[in-house]
């Protein structure tokens, strides 16, 4: 096993999403691009948090945007965005949407922690 594979499989923050006590599976909430290759997946976590994955199945890097509407958040909700691969908060007060450049055939995973209460449609 390569060091990169080991780092992916042993990422404690990603494992914590999988083991969250709420136990609700995430689902695809948005898809766009050729053959719907740019996707947003999301699922609720304890503490009113959301796990959000931006998945690029396309052949080129692309910017993928998760809008609050598809995530079930009120447009006025402010969230902290934590990058689970980088192990750091990347945005402190995101509102209305969040975008990231995602490499071809790659996935970025985040936890969104609302600073206000939200409605959930997930």
PDB file of N, CA and C in Angstrom:
ATOM      1  N   UNK A   1       0.849  -1.172   0.000  1.00  0.00           N
ATOM      2  CA  UNK A   1       0.000   0.000   0.000  1.00  0.00           C
ATOM      3  C   UNK A   1       0.897   1.239   0.000  1.00  0.00           C
ATOM      4  N   UNK A   2       0.565   2.185  -0.868  1.00  0.00           N
ATOM      5  CA  UNK A   2       1.360   3.411  -0.929  1.00  0.00           C
ATOM      6  C   UNK A   2       1.042   4.299   0.278  1.00  0.00           C
ATOM      7  N   UNK A   3       1.921   5.239   0.547  1.00  0.00           N
ATOM      8  CA  UNK A   3       1.700   6.184   1.641  1.00  0.00           C
ATOM      9  C   UNK A   3       0.444   7.023   1.375  1.00  0.00           C
ATOM     10  N   UNK A   4       0.225   7.392   0.105  1.00  0.00           N
ATOM     11  CA  UNK A   4      -0.966   8.177  -0.245  1.00  0.00           C
ATOM     12  C   UNK A   4      -2.244   7.389   0.045  1.00  0.00           C
ATOM     13  N   UNK A   5      -2.264   6.127  -0.335  1.00  0.00           N
ATOM     14  CA  UNK A   5      -3.432   5.280  -0.069  1.00  0.00           C
ATOM     15  C   UNK A   5      -3.652   5.135   1.427  1.00  0.00           C
ATOM     16  N   UNK A   6      -2.578   4.923   2.180  1.00  0.00           N
ATOM     17  CA  UNK A   6      -2.699   4.809   3.632  1.00  0.00           C
ATOM     18  C   UNK A   6      -3.276   6.090   4.235  1.00  0.00           C
ATOM     19  N   UNK A   7      -2.794   7.256   3.775  1.00  0.00           N
ATOM     20  CA  UNK A   7      -3.301   8.529   4.277  1.00  0.00           C
ATOM     21  C   UNK A   7      -4.795   8.688   3.994  1.00  0.00           C
ATOM     22  N   UNK A   8      -5.230   8.274   2.828  1.00  0.00           N
ATOM     23  CA  UNK A   8      -6.652   8.356   2.475  1.00  0.00           C
ATOM     24  C   UNK A   8      -7.469   7.439   3.372  1.00  0.00           C
ATOM     25  N   UNK A   9      -7.054   6.197   3.510  1.00  0.00           N
ATOM     26  CA  UNK A   9      -7.818   5.208   4.276  1.00  0.00           C
ATOM     27  C   UNK A   9      -7.804   5.443   5.780  1.00  0.00           C
ATOM     28  N   UNK A  10      -6.799   6.169   6.270  1.00  0.00           N
ATOM     29  CA  UNK A  10      -6.689   6.387   7.710  1.00  0.00           C
ATOM     30  C   UNK A  10      -7.045   7.815   8.131  1.00  0.00           C
ATOM     31  N   UNK A  11      -7.658   8.585   7.252  1.00  0.00           N
ATOM     32  CA  UNK A  11      -8.035   9.967   7.542  1.00  0.00           C
ATOM     33  C   UNK A  11      -9.116   9.980   8.631  1.00  0.00           C
ATOM     34  N   UNK A  12      -8.742  10.398   9.830  1.00  0.00           N
ATOM     35  CA  UNK A  12      -9.658  10.345  10.975  1.00  0.00           C
ATOM     36  C   UNK A  12     -10.900  11.207  10.797  1.00  0.00           C
ATOM     37  N   UNK A  13     -10.779  12.337  10.088  1.00  0.00           N
ATOM     38  CA  UNK A  13     -11.941  13.196   9.890  1.00  0.00           C
ATOM     39  C   UNK A  13     -12.940  12.562   8.924  1.00  0.00           C
ATOM     40  N   UNK A  14     -12.454  11.893   7.904  1.00  0.00           N
ATOM     41  CA  UNK A  14     -13.342  11.201   6.966  1.00  0.00           C
ATOM     42  C   UNK A  14     -13.995   9.997   7.668  1.00  0.00           C
ATOM     43  N   UNK A  15     -13.212   9.274   8.449  1.00  0.00           N
ATOM     44  CA  UNK A  15     -13.760   8.141   9.207  1.00  0.00           C
ATOM     45  C   UNK A  15     -14.847   8.625  10.170  1.00  0.00           C
ATOM     46  N   UNK A  16     -14.647   9.783  10.795  1.00  0.00           N
ATOM     47  CA  UNK A  16     -15.647  10.334  11.714  1.00  0.00           C
ATOM     48  C   UNK A  16     -16.969  10.628  11.007  1.00  0.00           C
ATOM     49  N   UNK A  17     -16.912  11.062   9.747  1.00  0.00           N
ATOM     50  CA  UNK A  17     -18.149  11.268   8.978  1.00  0.00           C
ATOM     51  C   UNK A  17     -18.862   9.930   8.812  1.00  0.00           C
ATOM     52  N   UNK A  18     -18.103   8.909   8.442  1.00  0.00           N
ATOM     53  CA  UNK A  18     -18.682   7.582   8.262  1.00  0.00           C
ATOM     54  C   UNK A  18     -19.287   7.040   9.554  1.00  0.00           C
ATOM     55  N   UNK A  19     -18.692   7.357  10.679  1.00  0.00           N
ATOM     56  CA  UNK A  19     -19.114   6.823  11.967  1.00  0.00           C
ATOM     57  C   UNK A  19     -20.003   7.778  12.761  1.00  0.00           C
ATOM     58  N   UNK A  20     -20.465   8.859  12.144  1.00  0.00           N
ATOM     59  CA  UNK A  20     -21.288   9.838  12.858  1.00  0.00           C
ATOM     60  C   UNK A  20     -22.506   9.155  13.474  1.00  0.00           C
ATOM     61  N   UNK A  21     -22.804   9.442  14.740  1.00  0.00           N
ATOM     62  CA  UNK A  21     -23.926   8.784  15.432  1.00  0.00           C
ATOM     63  C   UNK A  21     -25.294   8.980  14.779  1.00  0.00           C
ATOM     64  N   UNK A  22     -25.469  10.057  14.006  1.00  0.00           N
ATOM     65  CA  UNK A  22     -26.768  10.255  13.354  1.00  0.00           C
ATOM     66  C   UNK A  22     -27.063   9.117  12.389  1.00  0.00           C
ATOM     67  N   UNK A  23     -26.030   8.602  11.741  1.00  0.00           N
ATOM     68  CA  UNK A  23     -26.173   7.405  10.912  1.00  0.00           C
ATOM     69  C   UNK A  23     -27.008   7.559   9.660  1.00  0.00           C
ATOM     70  N   UNK A  24     -27.080   8.771   9.096  1.00  0.00           N
ATOM     71  CA  UNK A  24     -27.871   8.995   7.891  1.00  0.00           C
ATOM     72  C   UNK A  24     -26.937   9.050   6.685  1.00  0.00           C
ATOM     73  N   UNK A  25     -27.238   8.234   5.698  1.00  0.00           N
ATOM     74  CA  UNK A  25     -26.421   8.173   4.493  1.00  0.00           C
ATOM     75  C   UNK A  25     -26.588   9.436   3.656  1.00  0.00           C
ATOM     76  N   UNK A  26     -25.494   9.891   3.063  1.00  0.00           N
ATOM     77  CA  UNK A  26     -25.562  11.018   2.149  1.00  0.00           C
ATOM     78  C   UNK A  26     -26.149  10.586   0.816  1.00  0.00           C
ATOM     79  N   UNK A  27     -26.505  11.585  -0.005  1.00  0.00           N
ATOM     80  CA  UNK A  27     -27.077  11.290  -1.321  1.00  0.00           C
ATOM     81  C   UNK A  27     -26.675  12.372  -2.307  1.00  0.00           C
ATOM     82  N   UNK A  28     -26.803  12.038  -3.577  1.00  0.00           N
ATOM     83  CA  UNK A  28     -26.507  13.012  -4.627  1.00  0.00           C
ATOM     84  C   UNK A  28     -27.612  14.059  -4.618  1.00  0.00           C
ATOM     85  N   UNK A  29     -27.220  15.343  -4.494  1.00  0.00           N
ATOM     86  CA  UNK A  29     -28.196  16.426  -4.459  1.00  0.00           C
ATOM     87  C   UNK A  29     -28.134  17.315  -5.691  1.00  0.00           C
ATOM     88  N   UNK A  30     -27.076  17.149  -6.512  1.00  0.00           N
ATOM     89  CA  UNK A  30     -26.937  17.978  -7.709  1.00  0.00           C
ATOM     90  C   UNK A  30     -25.952  17.316  -8.661  1.00  0.00           C
ATOM     91  N   UNK A  31     -26.233  17.436  -9.936  1.00  0.00           N
ATOM     92  CA  UNK A  31     -25.309  16.942 -10.964  1.00  0.00           C
ATOM     93  C   UNK A  31     -25.403  17.845 -12.182  1.00  0.00           C
ATOM     94  N   UNK A  32     -24.262  18.060 -12.837  1.00  0.00           N
ATOM     95  CA  UNK A  32     -24.213  18.896 -14.036  1.00  0.00           C
ATOM     96  C   UNK A  32     -23.063  18.407 -14.912  1.00  0.00           C
ATOM     97  N   UNK A  33     -22.941  19.015 -16.072  1.00  0.00           N
ATOM     98  CA  UNK A  33     -21.845  18.673 -16.970  1.00  0.00           C
ATOM     99  C   UNK A  33     -22.175  17.483 -17.845  1.00  0.00           C
ATOM    100  N   UNK A  34     -21.222  17.134 -18.706  1.00  0.00           N
ATOM    101  CA  UNK A  34     -21.376  16.004 -19.609  1.00  0.00           C
ATOM    102  C   UNK A  34     -21.637  14.736 -18.811  1.00  0.00           C
ATOM    103  N   UNK A  35     -22.723  14.056 -19.122  1.00  0.00           N
ATOM    104  CA  UNK A  35     -23.101  12.833 -18.409  1.00  0.00           C
ATOM    105  C   UNK A  35     -23.208  13.051 -16.901  1.00  0.00           C
ATOM    106  N   UNK A  36     -23.561  14.270 -16.488  1.00  0.00           N
ATOM    107  CA  UNK A  36     -23.686  14.602 -15.059  1.00  0.00           C
ATOM    108  C   UNK A  36     -22.422  14.262 -14.281  1.00  0.00           C
ATOM    109  N   UNK A  37     -21.264  14.571 -14.868  1.00  0.00           N
ATOM    110  CA  UNK A  37     -19.995  14.165 -14.261  1.00  0.00           C
ATOM    111  C   UNK A  37     -19.535  15.065 -13.110  1.00  0.00           C
ATOM    112  N   UNK A  38     -20.134  16.234 -12.947  1.00  0.00           N
ATOM    113  CA  UNK A  38     -19.834  17.103 -11.795  1.00  0.00           C
ATOM    114  C   UNK A  38     -20.959  16.938 -10.798  1.00  0.00           C
ATOM    115  N   UNK A  39     -20.648  16.437  -9.622  1.00  0.00           N
ATOM    116  CA  UNK A  39     -21.701  16.089  -8.671  1.00  0.00           C
ATOM    117  C   UNK A  39     -21.452  16.679  -7.286  1.00  0.00           C
ATOM    118  N   UNK A  40     -22.565  16.979  -6.612  1.00  0.00           N
ATOM    119  CA  UNK A  40     -22.546  17.375  -5.204  1.00  0.00           C
ATOM    120  C   UNK A  40     -23.324  16.316  -4.440  1.00  0.00           C
ATOM    121  N   UNK A  41     -22.675  15.743  -3.440  1.00  0.00           N
ATOM    122  CA  UNK A  41     -23.304  14.773  -2.547  1.00  0.00           C
ATOM    123  C   UNK A  41     -23.326  15.383  -1.159  1.00  0.00           C
ATOM    124  N   UNK A  42     -24.386  15.120  -0.392  1.00  0.00           N
ATOM    125  CA  UNK A  42     -24.474  15.695   0.947  1.00  0.00           C
ATOM    126  C   UNK A  42     -25.278  14.785   1.862  1.00  0.00           C
ATOM    127  N   UNK A  43     -24.971  14.895   3.142  1.00  0.00           N
ATOM    128  CA  UNK A  43     -25.709  14.140   4.143  1.00  0.00           C
ATOM    129  C   UNK A  43     -25.596  14.825   5.494  1.00  0.00           C
ATOM    130  N   UNK A  44     -26.640  14.700   6.308  1.00  0.00           N
ATOM    131  CA  UNK A  44     -26.646  15.355   7.614  1.00  0.00           C
ATOM    132  C   UNK A  44     -25.758  14.621   8.622  1.00  0.00           C
ATOM    133  N   UNK A  45     -25.190  15.413   9.520  1.00  0.00           N
ATOM    134  CA  UNK A  45     -24.397  14.898  10.629  1.00  0.00           C
ATOM    135  C   UNK A  45     -24.971  15.443  11.935  1.00  0.00           C
ATOM    136  N   UNK A  46     -24.530  14.913  13.047  1.00  0.00           N
ATOM    137  CA  UNK A  46     -24.969  15.449  14.333  1.00  0.00           C
ATOM    138  C   UNK A  46     -24.549  16.910  14.452  1.00  0.00           C
ATOM    139  N   UNK A  47     -25.236  17.638  15.323  1.00  0.00           N
ATOM    140  CA  UNK A  47     -24.901  19.038  15.555  1.00  0.00           C
ATOM    141  C   UNK A  47     -25.289  19.957  14.415  1.00  0.00           C
ATOM    142  N   UNK A  48     -26.285  19.577  13.623  1.00  0.00           N
ATOM    143  CA  UNK A  48     -26.779  20.378  12.488  1.00  0.00           C
ATOM    144  C   UNK A  48     -25.711  20.598  11.427  1.00  0.00           C
ATOM    145  N   UNK A  49     -24.689  19.755  11.411  1.00  0.00           N
ATOM    146  CA  UNK A  49     -23.630  19.870  10.406  1.00  0.00           C
ATOM    147  C   UNK A  49     -24.005  19.063   9.168  1.00  0.00           C
ATOM    148  N   UNK A  50     -23.310  19.346   8.059  1.00  0.00           N
ATOM    149  CA  UNK A  50     -23.501  18.602   6.815  1.00  0.00           C
ATOM    150  C   UNK A  50     -22.159  18.112   6.299  1.00  0.00           C
ATOM    151  N   UNK A  51     -22.116  16.883   5.859  1.00  0.00           N
ATOM    152  CA  UNK A  51     -20.974  16.395   5.093  1.00  0.00           C
ATOM    153  C   UNK A  51     -21.289  16.712   3.638  1.00  0.00           C
ATOM    154  N   UNK A  52     -20.354  17.348   2.937  1.00  0.00           N
ATOM    155  CA  UNK A  52     -20.563  17.738   1.544  1.00  0.00           C
ATOM    156  C   UNK A  52     -19.367  17.244   0.728  1.00  0.00           C
ATOM    157  N   UNK A  53     -19.652  16.468  -0.307  1.00  0.00           N
ATOM    158  CA  UNK A  53     -18.601  15.970  -1.201  1.00  0.00           C
ATOM    159  C   UNK A  53     -18.818  16.564  -2.590  1.00  0.00           C
ATOM    160  N   UNK A  54     -17.768  17.139  -3.138  1.00  0.00           N
ATOM    161  CA  UNK A  54     -17.775  17.633  -4.516  1.00  0.00           C
ATOM    162  C   UNK A  54     -16.996  16.610  -5.323  1.00  0.00           C
ATOM    163  N   UNK A  55     -17.689  15.909  -6.208  1.00  0.00           N
ATOM    164  CA  UNK A  55     -17.116  14.772  -6.916  1.00  0.00           C
ATOM    165  C   UNK A  55     -17.033  15.090  -8.400  1.00  0.00           C
ATOM    166  N   UNK A  56     -15.826  15.037  -8.942  1.00  0.00           N
ATOM    167  CA  UNK A  56     -15.602  15.323 -10.356  1.00  0.00           C
ATOM    168  C   UNK A  56     -15.289  14.020 -11.084  1.00  0.00           C
ATOM    169  N   UNK A  57     -16.273  13.497 -11.798  1.00  0.00           N
ATOM    170  CA  UNK A  57     -16.089  12.298 -12.610  1.00  0.00           C
ATOM    171  C   UNK A  57     -15.673  12.653 -14.035  1.00  0.00           C
ATOM    172  N   UNK A  58     -15.523  13.953 -14.299  1.00  0.00           N
ATOM    173  CA  UNK A  58     -15.166  14.440 -15.630  1.00  0.00           C
ATOM    174  C   UNK A  58     -13.682  14.201 -15.925  1.00  0.00           C
ATOM    175  N   UNK A  59     -13.303  14.400 -17.192  1.00  0.00           N
ATOM    176  CA  UNK A  59     -11.928  14.191 -17.628  1.00  0.00           C
ATOM    177  C   UNK A  59     -11.023  15.408 -17.429  1.00  0.00           C
ATOM    178  N   UNK A  60     -11.609  16.547 -17.038  1.00  0.00           N
ATOM    179  CA  UNK A  60     -10.832  17.763 -16.807  1.00  0.00           C
ATOM    180  C   UNK A  60     -11.180  18.347 -15.447  1.00  0.00           C
ATOM    181  N   UNK A  61     -10.257  19.133 -14.897  1.00  0.00           N
ATOM    182  CA  UNK A  61     -10.544  19.851 -13.656  1.00  0.00           C
ATOM    183  C   UNK A  61     -11.728  20.776 -13.892  1.00  0.00           C
ATOM    184  N   UNK A  62     -12.536  20.958 -12.878  1.00  0.00           N
ATOM    185  CA  UNK A  62     -13.695  21.830 -13.007  1.00  0.00           C
ATOM    186  C   UNK A  62     -14.059  22.407 -11.649  1.00  0.00           C
ATOM    187  N   UNK A  63     -14.683  23.585 -11.684  1.00  0.00           N
ATOM    188  CA  UNK A  63     -15.185  24.186 -10.453  1.00  0.00           C
ATOM    189  C   UNK A  63     -16.593  23.652 -10.209  1.00  0.00           C
ATOM    190  N   UNK A  64     -16.796  23.126  -9.021  1.00  0.00           N
ATOM    191  CA  UNK A  64     -18.108  22.595  -8.636  1.00  0.00           C
ATOM    192  C   UNK A  64     -18.649  23.475  -7.520  1.00  0.00           C
ATOM    193  N   UNK A  65     -19.924  23.850  -7.638  1.00  0.00           N
ATOM    194  CA  UNK A  65     -20.564  24.725  -6.660  1.00  0.00           C
ATOM    195  C   UNK A  65     -21.704  24.000  -5.966  1.00  0.00           C
ATOM    196  N   UNK A  66     -21.683  24.063  -4.645  1.00  0.00           N
ATOM    197  CA  UNK A  66     -22.797  23.573  -3.829  1.00  0.00           C
ATOM    198  C   UNK A  66     -23.576  24.795  -3.374  1.00  0.00           C
ATOM    199  N   UNK A  67     -24.826  24.898  -3.837  1.00  0.00           N
ATOM    200  CA  UNK A  67     -25.668  26.022  -3.421  1.00  0.00           C
ATOM    201  C   UNK A  67     -26.470  25.609  -2.196  1.00  0.00           C
ATOM    202  N   UNK A  68     -26.809  26.592  -1.393  1.00  0.00           N
ATOM    203  CA  UNK A  68     -27.555  26.303  -0.175  1.00  0.00           C
ATOM    204  C   UNK A  68     -28.898  25.665  -0.491  1.00  0.00           C
ATOM    205  N   UNK A  69     -29.499  26.045  -1.606  1.00  0.00           N
ATOM    206  CA  UNK A  69     -30.801  25.488  -1.972  1.00  0.00           C
ATOM    207  C   UNK A  69     -30.740  23.964  -2.102  1.00  0.00           C
ATOM    208  N   UNK A  70     -29.739  23.435  -2.813  1.00  0.00           N
ATOM    209  CA  UNK A  70     -29.658  21.986  -2.995  1.00  0.00           C
ATOM    210  C   UNK A  70     -29.246  21.277  -1.710  1.00  0.00           C
ATOM    211  N   UNK A  71     -28.614  22.023  -0.780  1.00  0.00           N
ATOM    212  CA  UNK A  71     -28.201  21.427   0.492  1.00  0.00           C
ATOM    213  C   UNK A  71     -29.284  21.501   1.564  1.00  0.00           C
ATOM    214  N   UNK A  72     -30.369  22.208   1.270  1.00  0.00           N
ATOM    215  CA  UNK A  72     -31.436  22.346   2.250  1.00  0.00           C
ATOM    216  C   UNK A  72     -31.166  23.423   3.283  1.00  0.00           C
ATOM    217  N   UNK A  73     -30.295  24.360   2.954  1.00  0.00           N
ATOM    218  CA  UNK A  73     -29.979  25.469   3.855  1.00  0.00           C
ATOM    219  C   UNK A  73     -30.712  26.728   3.415  1.00  0.00           C
ATOM    220  N   UNK A  74     -31.115  27.539   4.372  1.00  0.00           N
ATOM    221  CA  UNK A  74     -31.674  28.851   4.050  1.00  0.00           C
ATOM    222  C   UNK A  74     -30.565  29.698   3.431  1.00  0.00           C
ATOM    223  N   UNK A  75     -30.901  30.534   2.458  1.00  0.00           N
ATOM    224  CA  UNK A  75     -29.884  31.316   1.749  1.00  0.00           C
ATOM    225  C   UNK A  75     -29.125  32.264   2.671  1.00  0.00           C
ATOM    226  N   UNK A  76     -29.721  32.641   3.785  1.00  0.00           N
ATOM    227  CA  UNK A  76     -29.066  33.563   4.721  1.00  0.00           C
ATOM    228  C   UNK A  76     -28.181  32.844   5.741  1.00  0.00           C
ATOM    229  N   UNK A  77     -28.125  31.522   5.677  1.00  0.00           N
ATOM    230  CA  UNK A  77     -27.328  30.758   6.626  1.00  0.00           C
ATOM    231  C   UNK A  77     -25.838  30.933   6.350  1.00  0.00           C
ATOM    232  N   UNK A  78     -25.091  31.216   7.385  1.00  0.00           N
ATOM    233  CA  UNK A  78     -23.639  31.330   7.304  1.00  0.00           C
ATOM    234  C   UNK A  78     -23.034  30.032   7.833  1.00  0.00           C
ATOM    235  N   UNK A  79     -22.061  29.491   7.112  1.00  0.00           N
ATOM    236  CA  UNK A  79     -21.431  28.247   7.545  1.00  0.00           C
ATOM    237  C   UNK A  79     -19.914  28.382   7.581  1.00  0.00           C
ATOM    238  N   UNK A  80     -19.314  27.596   8.458  1.00  0.00           N
ATOM    239  CA  UNK A  80     -17.880  27.382   8.439  1.00  0.00           C
ATOM    240  C   UNK A  80     -17.644  26.147   7.593  1.00  0.00           C
ATOM    241  N   UNK A  81     -16.671  26.194   6.692  1.00  0.00           N
ATOM    242  CA  UNK A  81     -16.382  25.073   5.796  1.00  0.00           C
ATOM    243  C   UNK A  81     -15.024  24.491   6.181  1.00  0.00           C
ATOM    244  N   UNK A  82     -15.039  23.197   6.535  1.00  0.00           N
ATOM    245  CA  UNK A  82     -13.802  22.496   6.897  1.00  0.00           C
ATOM    246  C   UNK A  82     -13.439  21.497   5.813  1.00  0.00           C
ATOM    247  N   UNK A  83     -12.217  21.590   5.311  1.00  0.00           N
ATOM    248  CA  UNK A  83     -11.700  20.667   4.297  1.00  0.00           C
ATOM    249  C   UNK A  83     -11.137  19.448   5.024  1.00  0.00           C
ATOM    250  N   UNK A  84     -11.718  18.280   4.759  1.00  0.00           N
ATOM    251  CA  UNK A  84     -11.305  17.073   5.478  1.00  0.00           C
ATOM    252  C   UNK A  84      -9.998  16.491   4.970  1.00  0.00           C
ATOM    253  N   UNK A  85      -9.592  16.812   3.757  1.00  0.00           N
ATOM    254  CA  UNK A  85      -8.290  16.353   3.267  1.00  0.00           C
ATOM    255  C   UNK A  85      -7.169  17.233   3.814  1.00  0.00           C
ATOM    256  N   UNK A  86      -7.425  18.546   3.895  1.00  0.00           N
ATOM    257  CA  UNK A  86      -6.396  19.486   4.364  1.00  0.00           C
ATOM    258  C   UNK A  86      -6.377  19.610   5.889  1.00  0.00           C
ATOM    259  N   UNK A  87      -7.439  19.134   6.547  1.00  0.00           N
ATOM    260  CA  UNK A  87      -7.571  19.222   8.010  1.00  0.00           C
ATOM    261  C   UNK A  87      -7.555  20.670   8.494  1.00  0.00           C
ATOM    262  N   UNK A  88      -8.295  21.519   7.770  1.00  0.00           N
ATOM    263  CA  UNK A  88      -8.360  22.925   8.188  1.00  0.00           C
ATOM    264  C   UNK A  88      -9.648  23.571   7.705  1.00  0.00           C
ATOM    265  N   UNK A  89     -10.064  24.600   8.455  1.00  0.00           N
ATOM    266  CA  UNK A  89     -11.202  25.403   8.024  1.00  0.00           C
ATOM    267  C   UNK A  89     -10.728  26.268   6.866  1.00  0.00           C
ATOM    268  N   UNK A  90     -11.465  26.226   5.754  1.00  0.00           N
ATOM    269  CA  UNK A  90     -11.060  26.988   4.572  1.00  0.00           C
ATOM    270  C   UNK A  90     -11.888  28.248   4.366  1.00  0.00           C
ATOM    271  N   UNK A  91     -13.087  28.289   4.948  1.00  0.00           N
ATOM    272  CA  UNK A  91     -13.946  29.467   4.874  1.00  0.00           C
ATOM    273  C   UNK A  91     -14.642  29.592   6.223  1.00  0.00           C
ATOM    274  N   UNK A  92     -14.666  30.824   6.747  1.00  0.00           N
ATOM    275  CA  UNK A  92     -15.287  31.039   8.046  1.00  0.00           C
ATOM    276  C   UNK A  92     -16.735  31.446   7.991  1.00  0.00           C
ATOM    277  N   UNK A  93     -17.143  32.125   6.930  1.00  0.00           N
ATOM    278  CA  UNK A  93     -18.510  32.645   6.841  1.00  0.00           C
ATOM    279  C   UNK A  93     -19.056  32.523   5.434  1.00  0.00           C
ATOM    280  N   UNK A  94     -19.132  31.328   4.908  1.00  0.00           N
ATOM    281  CA  UNK A  94     -19.698  31.141   3.566  1.00  0.00           C
ATOM    282  C   UNK A  94     -21.203  31.350   3.627  1.00  0.00           C
ATOM    283  N   UNK A  95     -21.727  32.025   2.609  1.00  0.00           N
ATOM    284  CA  UNK A  95     -23.169  32.250   2.524  1.00  0.00           C
ATOM    285  C   UNK A  95     -23.637  32.001   1.100  1.00  0.00           C
ATOM    286  N   UNK A  96     -24.781  31.362   0.963  1.00  0.00           N
ATOM    287  CA  UNK A  96     -25.492  31.120  -0.297  1.00  0.00           C
ATOM    288  C   UNK A  96     -24.908  30.014  -1.160  1.00  0.00           C
ATOM    289  N   UNK A  97     -23.559  29.887  -1.207  1.00  0.00           N
ATOM    290  CA  UNK A  97     -22.952  28.818  -1.990  1.00  0.00           C
ATOM    291  C   UNK A  97     -21.484  28.662  -1.597  1.00  0.00           C
ATOM    292  N   UNK A  98     -20.919  27.530  -2.020  1.00  0.00           N
ATOM    293  CA  UNK A  98     -19.494  27.269  -1.825  1.00  0.00           C
ATOM    294  C   UNK A  98     -18.994  26.572  -3.075  1.00  0.00           C
ATOM    295  N   UNK A  99     -17.860  27.038  -3.603  1.00  0.00           N
ATOM    296  CA  UNK A  99     -17.277  26.466  -4.819  1.00  0.00           C
ATOM    297  C   UNK A  99     -15.836  26.054  -4.575  1.00  0.00           C
ATOM    298  N   UNK A 100     -15.426  25.023  -5.290  1.00  0.00           N
ATOM    299  CA  UNK A 100     -14.027  24.586  -5.232  1.00  0.00           C
ATOM    300  C   UNK A 100     -13.628  24.004  -6.575  1.00  0.00           C
ATOM    301  N   UNK A 101     -12.375  24.206  -6.920  1.00  0.00           N
ATOM    302  CA  UNK A 101     -11.805  23.579  -8.108  1.00  0.00           C
ATOM    303  C   UNK A 101     -11.476  22.137  -7.738  1.00  0.00           C
ATOM    304  N   UNK A 102     -12.016  21.196  -8.497  1.00  0.00           N
ATOM    305  CA  UNK A 102     -11.818  19.771  -8.216  1.00  0.00           C
ATOM    306  C   UNK A 102     -11.110  19.148  -9.412  1.00  0.00           C
ATOM    307  N   UNK A 103      -9.994  18.498  -9.147  1.00  0.00           N
ATOM    308  CA  UNK A 103      -9.239  17.841 -10.210  1.00  0.00           C
ATOM    309  C   UNK A 103     -10.073  16.757 -10.882  1.00  0.00           C
ATOM    310  N   UNK A 104      -9.697  16.408 -12.112  1.00  0.00           N
ATOM    311  CA  UNK A 104     -10.387  15.335 -12.841  1.00  0.00           C
ATOM    312  C   UNK A 104     -10.344  14.046 -12.026  1.00  0.00           C
ATOM    313  N   UNK A 105     -11.452  13.347 -12.015  1.00  0.00           N
ATOM    314  CA  UNK A 105     -11.566  12.051 -11.332  1.00  0.00           C
ATOM    315  C   UNK A 105     -11.164  12.146  -9.869  1.00  0.00           C
ATOM    316  N   UNK A 106     -11.573  13.234  -9.222  1.00  0.00           N
ATOM    317  CA  UNK A 106     -11.205  13.458  -7.827  1.00  0.00           C
ATOM    318  C   UNK A 106     -12.429  13.875  -7.025  1.00  0.00           C
ATOM    319  N   UNK A 107     -12.247  13.922  -5.709  1.00  0.00           N
ATOM    320  CA  UNK A 107     -13.332  14.275  -4.805  1.00  0.00           C
ATOM    321  C   UNK A 107     -12.776  15.139  -3.681  1.00  0.00           C
ATOM    322  N   UNK A 108     -13.489  16.193  -3.362  1.00  0.00           N
ATOM    323  CA  UNK A 108     -13.161  17.038  -2.210  1.00  0.00           C
ATOM    324  C   UNK A 108     -14.284  16.853  -1.190  1.00  0.00           C
ATOM    325  N   UNK A 109     -13.911  16.732   0.083  1.00  0.00           N
ATOM    326  CA  UNK A 109     -14.904  16.465   1.126  1.00  0.00           C
ATOM    327  C   UNK A 109     -14.806  17.540   2.199  1.00  0.00           C
ATOM    328  N   UNK A 110     -15.968  18.054   2.597  1.00  0.00           N
ATOM    329  CA  UNK A 110     -16.044  19.149   3.551  1.00  0.00           C
ATOM    330  C   UNK A 110     -17.100  18.854   4.613  1.00  0.00           C
ATOM    331  N   UNK A 111     -16.949  19.523   5.747  1.00  0.00           N
ATOM    332  CA  UNK A 111     -18.029  19.591   6.732  1.00  0.00           C
ATOM    333  C   UNK A 111     -18.463  21.040   6.797  1.00  0.00           C
ATOM    334  N   UNK A 112     -19.766  21.262   6.614  1.00  0.00           N
ATOM    335  CA  UNK A 112     -20.361  22.586   6.732  1.00  0.00           C
ATOM    336  C   UNK A 112     -21.000  22.670   8.114  1.00  0.00           C
ATOM    337  N   UNK A 113     -20.580  23.648   8.899  1.00  0.00           N
ATOM    338  CA  UNK A 113     -21.154  23.855  10.224  1.00  0.00           C
ATOM    339  C   UNK A 113     -21.898  25.178  10.220  1.00  0.00           C
ATOM    340  N   UNK A 114     -23.228  25.122  10.205  1.00  0.00           N
ATOM    341  CA  UNK A 114     -24.018  26.353  10.177  1.00  0.00           C
ATOM    342  C   UNK A 114     -23.843  27.165  11.458  1.00  0.00           C
ATOM    343  N   UNK A 115     -23.803  28.483  11.276  1.00  0.00           N
ATOM    344  CA  UNK A 115     -23.740  29.388  12.410  1.00  0.00           C
ATOM    345  C   UNK A 115     -25.141  29.749  12.891  1.00  0.00           C
ATOM    346  N   UNK A 116     -26.172  29.342  12.107  1.00  0.00           N
ATOM    347  CA  UNK A 116     -27.568  29.534  12.449  1.00  0.00           C
ATOM    348  C   UNK A 116     -28.316  28.257  12.163  1.00  0.00           C
ATOM    349  N   UNK A 117     -29.533  28.139  12.650  1.00  0.00           N
ATOM    350  CA  UNK A 117     -30.341  26.954  12.415  1.00  0.00           C
ATOM    351  C   UNK A 117     -30.778  26.904  10.959  1.00  0.00           C
ATOM    352  N   UNK A 118     -30.906  25.712  10.405  1.00  0.00           N
ATOM    353  CA  UNK A 118     -31.251  25.544   9.002  1.00  0.00           C
ATOM    354  C   UNK A 118     -32.425  24.586   8.863  1.00  0.00           C
ATOM    355  N   UNK A 119     -33.026  24.588   7.674  1.00  0.00           N
ATOM    356  CA  UNK A 119     -34.056  23.612   7.367  1.00  0.00           C
ATOM    357  C   UNK A 119     -33.386  22.475   6.614  1.00  0.00           C
ATOM    358  N   UNK A 120     -33.802  21.267   6.842  1.00  0.00           N
ATOM    359  CA  UNK A 120     -33.147  20.138   6.185  1.00  0.00           C
ATOM    360  C   UNK A 120     -34.114  19.429   5.254  1.00  0.00           C
ATOM    361  N   UNK A 121     -33.690  19.292   4.014  1.00  0.00           N
ATOM    362  CA  UNK A 121     -34.470  18.538   3.047  1.00  0.00           C
ATOM    363  C   UNK A 121     -33.700  17.299   2.615  1.00  0.00           C
ATOM    364  N   UNK A 122     -32.536  17.089   3.206  1.00  0.00           N
ATOM    365  CA  UNK A 122     -31.704  15.948   2.828  1.00  0.00           C
ATOM    366  C   UNK A 122     -32.209  14.710   3.538  1.00  0.00           C
TER     367      UNK A 122
END
